[in-house]
C-alpha atoms as a PDB file:
ATOM      1  CA  MET A   1     164.551 145.925  59.490  1.00  0.00           C
ATOM      2  CA  LEU A   2     166.457 143.717  57.050  1.00  0.00           C
ATOM      3  CA  VAL A   3     167.123 146.725  54.809  1.00  0.00           C
ATOM      4  CA  LEU A   4     168.578 148.611  57.779  1.00  0.00           C
ATOM      5  CA  ALA A   5     170.668 145.577  58.701  1.00  0.00           C
ATOM      6  CA  TYR A   6     171.967 145.279  55.148  1.00  0.00           C
ATOM      7  CA  LYS A   7     172.926 148.958  54.998  1.00  0.00           C
ATOM      8  CA  ASN A   8     174.321 149.074  58.571  1.00  0.00           C
ATOM      9  CA  PRO A   9     175.680 145.602  59.444  1.00  0.00           C
ATOM     10  CA  SER A  10     177.594 146.828  62.503  1.00  0.00           C
ATOM     11  CA  GLU A  11     174.417 148.299  64.036  1.00  0.00           C
ATOM     12  CA  TYR A  12     172.244 145.241  63.301  1.00  0.00           C
ATOM     13  CA  PRO A  13     174.580 142.224  63.440  1.00  0.00           C
ATOM     14  CA  ILE A  14     171.842 139.635  63.945  1.00  0.00           C
ATOM     15  CA  GLY A  15     169.722 141.017  61.106  1.00  0.00           C
ATOM     16  CA  PHE A  16     172.754 141.120  58.835  1.00  0.00           C
ATOM     17  CA  ALA A  17     173.610 137.541  59.818  1.00  0.00           C
ATOM     18  CA  VAL A  18     170.096 136.444  58.846  1.00  0.00           C
ATOM     19  CA  ILE A  19     170.481 138.058  55.418  1.00  0.00           C
ATOM     20  CA  VAL A  20     173.809 136.317  54.816  1.00  0.00           C
ATOM     21  CA  LEU A  21     172.542 132.990  56.075  1.00  0.00           C
ATOM     22  CA  LEU A  22     169.457 133.034  53.890  1.00  0.00           C
ATOM     23  CA  THR A  23     171.214 134.131  50.729  1.00  0.00           C
ATOM     24  CA  ASP A  24     174.545 132.297  50.784  1.00  0.00           C
ATOM     25  CA  PRO A  25     174.546 128.863  52.480  1.00  0.00           C
ATOM     26  CA  VAL A  26     177.711 126.739  52.474  1.00  0.00           C
ATOM     27  CA  VAL A  27     176.764 123.381  50.927  1.00  0.00           C
ATOM     28  CA  VAL A  28     178.771 120.325  51.975  1.00  0.00           C
ATOM     29  CA  ASP A  29     178.659 117.289  49.689  1.00  0.00           C
ATOM     30  CA  ILE A  30     177.444 114.762  52.275  1.00  0.00           C
ATOM     31  CA  ASP A  31     174.125 113.140  53.067  1.00  0.00           C
ATOM     32  CA  ALA A  32     173.592 113.684  56.778  1.00  0.00           C
ATOM     33  CA  LYS A  33     170.672 111.243  56.936  1.00  0.00           C
ATOM     34  CA  HIS A  34     172.740 108.317  55.618  1.00  0.00           C
ATOM     35  CA  LEU A  35     175.637 109.253  57.891  1.00  0.00           C
ATOM     36  CA  GLN A  36     173.304 109.356  60.888  1.00  0.00           C
ATOM     37  CA  GLU A  37     171.845 105.954  59.986  1.00  0.00           C
ATOM     38  CA  ALA A  38     175.365 104.472  59.866  1.00  0.00           C
ATOM     39  CA  LEU A  39     176.084 105.669  63.401  1.00  0.00           C
ATOM     40  CA  ASN A  40     175.005 103.418  66.233  1.00  0.00           C
ATOM     41  CA  ALA A  41     173.162 105.212  69.032  1.00  0.00           C
ATOM     42  CA  HIS A  42     175.401 103.430  71.550  1.00  0.00           C
ATOM     43  CA  ASP A  43     178.598 104.045  69.573  1.00  0.00           C
ATOM     44  CA  TYR A  44     180.081 107.020  71.373  1.00  0.00           C
ATOM     45  CA  GLY A  45     183.501 107.988  72.617  1.00  0.00           C
ATOM     46  CA  MET A  46     186.806 107.838  70.793  1.00  0.00           C
ATOM     47  CA  ASN A  47     187.203 104.909  68.410  1.00  0.00           C
ATOM     48  CA  GLU A  48     189.870 105.765  65.847  1.00  0.00           C
ATOM     49  CA  LYS A  49     189.213 102.670  63.710  1.00  0.00           C
ATOM     50  CA  ARG A  50     185.472 103.404  63.544  1.00  0.00           C
ATOM     51  CA  GLU A  51     186.067 107.085  62.772  1.00  0.00           C
ATOM     52  CA  ALA A  52     188.531 106.247  59.977  1.00  0.00           C
ATOM     53  CA  ASP A  53     186.025 103.761  58.516  1.00  0.00           C
ATOM     54  CA  LEU A  54     183.238 106.364  58.525  1.00  0.00           C
ATOM     55  CA  LEU A  55     185.502 108.978  56.931  1.00  0.00           C
ATOM     56  CA  ARG A  56     186.426 106.554  54.117  1.00  0.00           C
ATOM     57  CA  ARG A  57     182.855 105.370  53.645  1.00  0.00           C
ATOM     58  CA  PHE A  58     181.268 108.802  53.525  1.00  0.00           C
ATOM     59  CA  ASP A  59     184.178 110.844  52.128  1.00  0.00           C
ATOM     60  CA  VAL A  60     183.452 113.777  54.428  1.00  0.00           C
ATOM     61  CA  PRO A  61     184.944 116.900  52.848  1.00  0.00           C
ATOM     62  CA  GLU A  62     187.045 119.389  54.747  1.00  0.00           C
ATOM     63  CA  ILE A  63     184.863 122.208  56.022  1.00  0.00           C
ATOM     64  CA  PRO A  64     186.269 125.651  55.186  1.00  0.00           C
ATOM     65  CA  PRO A  65     186.832 128.128  58.014  1.00  0.00           C
ATOM     66  CA  LEU A  66     183.617 130.040  58.673  1.00  0.00           C
ATOM     67  CA  LEU A  67     184.773 133.554  59.509  1.00  0.00           C
ATOM     68  CA  THR A  68     181.524 135.317  58.638  1.00  0.00           C
ATOM     69  CA  PRO A  69     177.929 134.401  59.479  1.00  0.00           C
ATOM     70  CA  ALA A  70     177.104 131.215  57.604  1.00  0.00           C
ATOM     71  CA  VAL A  71     174.814 128.241  57.530  1.00  0.00           C
ATOM     72  CA  LEU A  72     176.288 124.857  56.635  1.00  0.00           C
ATOM     73  CA  VAL A  73     173.863 122.503  54.853  1.00  0.00           C
ATOM     74  CA  ASP A  74     174.189 119.024  53.397  1.00  0.00           C
ATOM     75  CA  LYS A  75     173.346 118.223  49.781  1.00  0.00           C
ATOM     76  CA  ALA A  76     169.683 117.617  50.722  1.00  0.00           C
ATOM     77  CA  GLY A  77     169.431 121.068  52.322  1.00  0.00           C
ATOM     78  CA  VAL A  78     169.496 119.838  55.928  1.00  0.00           C
ATOM     79  CA  VAL A  79     171.018 122.466  58.217  1.00  0.00           C
ATOM     80  CA  LEU A  80     174.099 121.023  59.911  1.00  0.00           C
ATOM     81  CA  LEU A  81     175.552 124.113  61.535  1.00  0.00           C
ATOM     82  CA  TRP A  82     174.806 127.772  62.117  1.00  0.00           C
ATOM     83  CA  SER A  83     177.893 129.943  62.520  1.00  0.00           C
ATOM     84  CA  LEU A  84     177.341 133.428  63.926  1.00  0.00           C
ATOM     85  CA  PRO A  85     180.795 134.788  64.820  1.00  0.00           C
ATOM     86  CA  GLU A  86     180.884 138.024  66.784  1.00  0.00           C
ATOM     87  CA  VAL A  87     177.091 138.135  67.172  1.00  0.00           C
ATOM     88  CA  LEU A  88     177.457 137.595  70.911  1.00  0.00           C
ATOM     89  CA  SER A  89     179.856 139.961  72.634  1.00  0.00           C
ATOM     90  CA  SER A  90     182.934 138.581  74.394  1.00  0.00           C
ATOM     91  CA  ARG A  91     181.506 139.746  77.719  1.00  0.00           C
ATOM     92  CA  PHE A  92     178.257 137.826  77.096  1.00  0.00           C
ATOM     93  CA  GLN A  93     180.208 134.679  76.151  1.00  0.00           C
ATOM     94  CA  VAL A  94     182.364 134.871  79.289  1.00  0.00           C
ATOM     95  CA  ASN A  95     179.295 135.390  81.492  1.00  0.00           C
ATOM     96  CA  ALA A  96     177.490 132.466  79.833  1.00  0.00           C
ATOM     97  CA  PHE A  97     180.551 130.246  80.255  1.00  0.00           C
ATOM     98  CA  HIS A  98     180.875 131.071  83.940  1.00  0.00           C
ATOM     99  CA  SER A  99     177.147 130.674  84.522  1.00  0.00           C
ATOM    100  CA  THR A 100     177.163 127.137  83.097  1.00  0.00           C
ATOM    101  CA  SER A 101     180.574 125.943  84.279  1.00  0.00           C
ATOM    102  CA  ARG A 102     179.151 124.497  87.527  1.00  0.00           C
ATOM    103  CA  ILE A 103     176.412 122.516  85.835  1.00  0.00           C
END
Protein backbone atom coordinates (compact mmCIF):
# COMPACT_ATOMS: atom_id res chain seq x y z
CA MET A 1 0.00 0.00 0.00
CA LEU A 2 2.83 2.43 0.74
CA VAL A 3 4.08 2.11 -2.85
CA LEU A 4 0.60 2.99 -4.13
CA ALA A 5 0.44 5.92 -1.71
CA TYR A 6 3.84 7.17 -2.86
CA LYS A 7 2.87 6.97 -6.53
CA ASN A 8 -0.67 8.35 -6.01
CA PRO A 9 -0.61 10.71 -2.99
CA SER A 10 -4.02 12.23 -3.78
CA GLU A 11 -5.69 8.79 -3.74
CA TYR A 12 -3.97 7.62 -0.53
CA PRO A 13 -3.40 10.76 1.57
CA ILE A 14 -2.97 8.94 4.88
CA GLY A 15 -0.50 6.44 3.42
CA PHE A 16 1.44 9.25 1.77
CA ALA A 17 1.46 11.17 5.06
CA VAL A 18 2.93 8.13 6.81
CA ILE A 19 5.73 7.93 4.23
CA VAL A 20 6.57 11.61 4.66
CA LEU A 21 6.40 11.44 8.43
CA LEU A 22 8.69 8.43 8.66
CA THR A 23 11.28 9.71 6.23
CA ASP A 24 11.52 13.44 6.93
CA PRO A 25 10.88 14.51 10.55
CA VAL A 26 11.27 18.17 11.55
CA VAL A 27 13.77 18.24 14.44
CA VAL A 28 13.50 21.10 16.93
CA ASP A 29 16.56 21.85 19.07
CA ILE A 30 14.88 21.51 22.48
CA ASP A 31 14.81 18.85 25.16
CA ALA A 32 11.14 18.26 25.90
CA LYS A 33 11.88 16.22 29.03
CA HIS A 34 13.83 19.04 30.70
CA LEU A 35 11.19 21.57 29.66
CA GLN A 36 8.46 19.38 31.12
CA GLU A 37 10.38 19.00 34.39
CA ALA A 38 10.68 22.80 34.66
CA LEU A 39 6.91 23.20 34.39
CA ASN A 40 4.92 22.91 37.58
CA ALA A 41 1.85 20.68 37.31
CA HIS A 42 -0.20 23.41 39.00
CA ASP A 43 1.30 26.22 36.93
CA TYR A 44 -1.37 26.78 34.31
CA GLY A 45 -3.06 29.78 32.78
CA MET A 46 -1.50 32.93 31.41
CA ASN A 47 1.59 34.14 33.27
CA GLU A 48 3.62 36.37 30.96
CA LYS A 49 6.58 36.63 33.35
CA ARG A 50 6.79 32.84 33.73
CA GLU A 51 6.44 32.28 29.98
CA ALA A 52 9.18 34.82 29.21
CA ASP A 53 11.46 33.14 31.78
CA LEU A 54 10.90 29.70 30.24
CA LEU A 55 11.53 31.04 26.73
CA ARG A 56 14.84 32.59 27.84
CA ARG A 57 15.87 29.53 29.83
CA PHE A 58 15.12 26.98 27.14
CA ASP A 59 15.68 29.11 24.02
CA VAL A 60 12.70 27.58 22.23
CA PRO A 61 13.22 28.03 18.49
CA GLU A 62 10.56 29.33 16.16
CA ILE A 63 8.68 26.43 14.61
CA PRO A 64 8.41 26.71 10.81
CA PRO A 65 4.96 26.57 9.22
CA LEU A 66 4.01 22.94 8.61
CA LEU A 67 2.13 23.00 5.32
CA THR A 68 2.68 19.36 4.42
CA PRO A 69 2.38 16.22 6.55
CA ALA A 70 5.13 16.35 9.15
CA VAL A 71 6.20 15.06 12.51
CA LEU A 72 7.92 17.47 14.89
CA VAL A 73 10.46 15.83 17.23
CA ASP A 74 12.82 17.15 19.88
CA LYS A 75 16.56 16.51 19.81
CA ALA A 76 16.08 13.22 21.71
CA GLY A 77 13.58 11.98 19.11
CA VAL A 78 10.48 12.49 21.26
CA VAL A 79 7.44 13.20 19.08
CA LEU A 80 6.02 16.61 19.98
CA LEU A 81 3.50 17.10 17.21
CA TRP A 82 1.95 15.30 14.27
CA SER A 83 0.74 17.60 11.50
CA LEU A 84 -1.56 16.05 8.90
CA PRO A 85 -3.03 18.96 6.91
CA GLU A 86 -5.83 18.11 4.51
CA VAL A 87 -5.98 14.47 5.64
CA LEU A 88 -9.43 15.07 7.11
CA SER A 89 -11.91 16.68 4.75
CA SER A 90 -13.41 20.07 5.61
CA ARG A 91 -16.82 18.43 5.94
CA PHE A 92 -15.46 15.90 8.46
CA GLN A 93 -13.80 18.68 10.48
CA VAL A 94 -17.00 20.75 10.58
CA ASN A 95 -19.05 17.72 11.65
CA ALA A 96 -16.51 16.84 14.36
CA PHE A 97 -16.49 20.44 15.61
CA HIS A 98 -20.27 20.58 15.83
CA SER A 99 -20.46 17.16 17.46
CA THR A 100 -18.09 18.20 20.26
CA SER A 101 -19.12 21.84 20.69
CA ARG A 102 -21.72 20.99 23.37
CA ILE A 103 -19.35 18.94 25.49
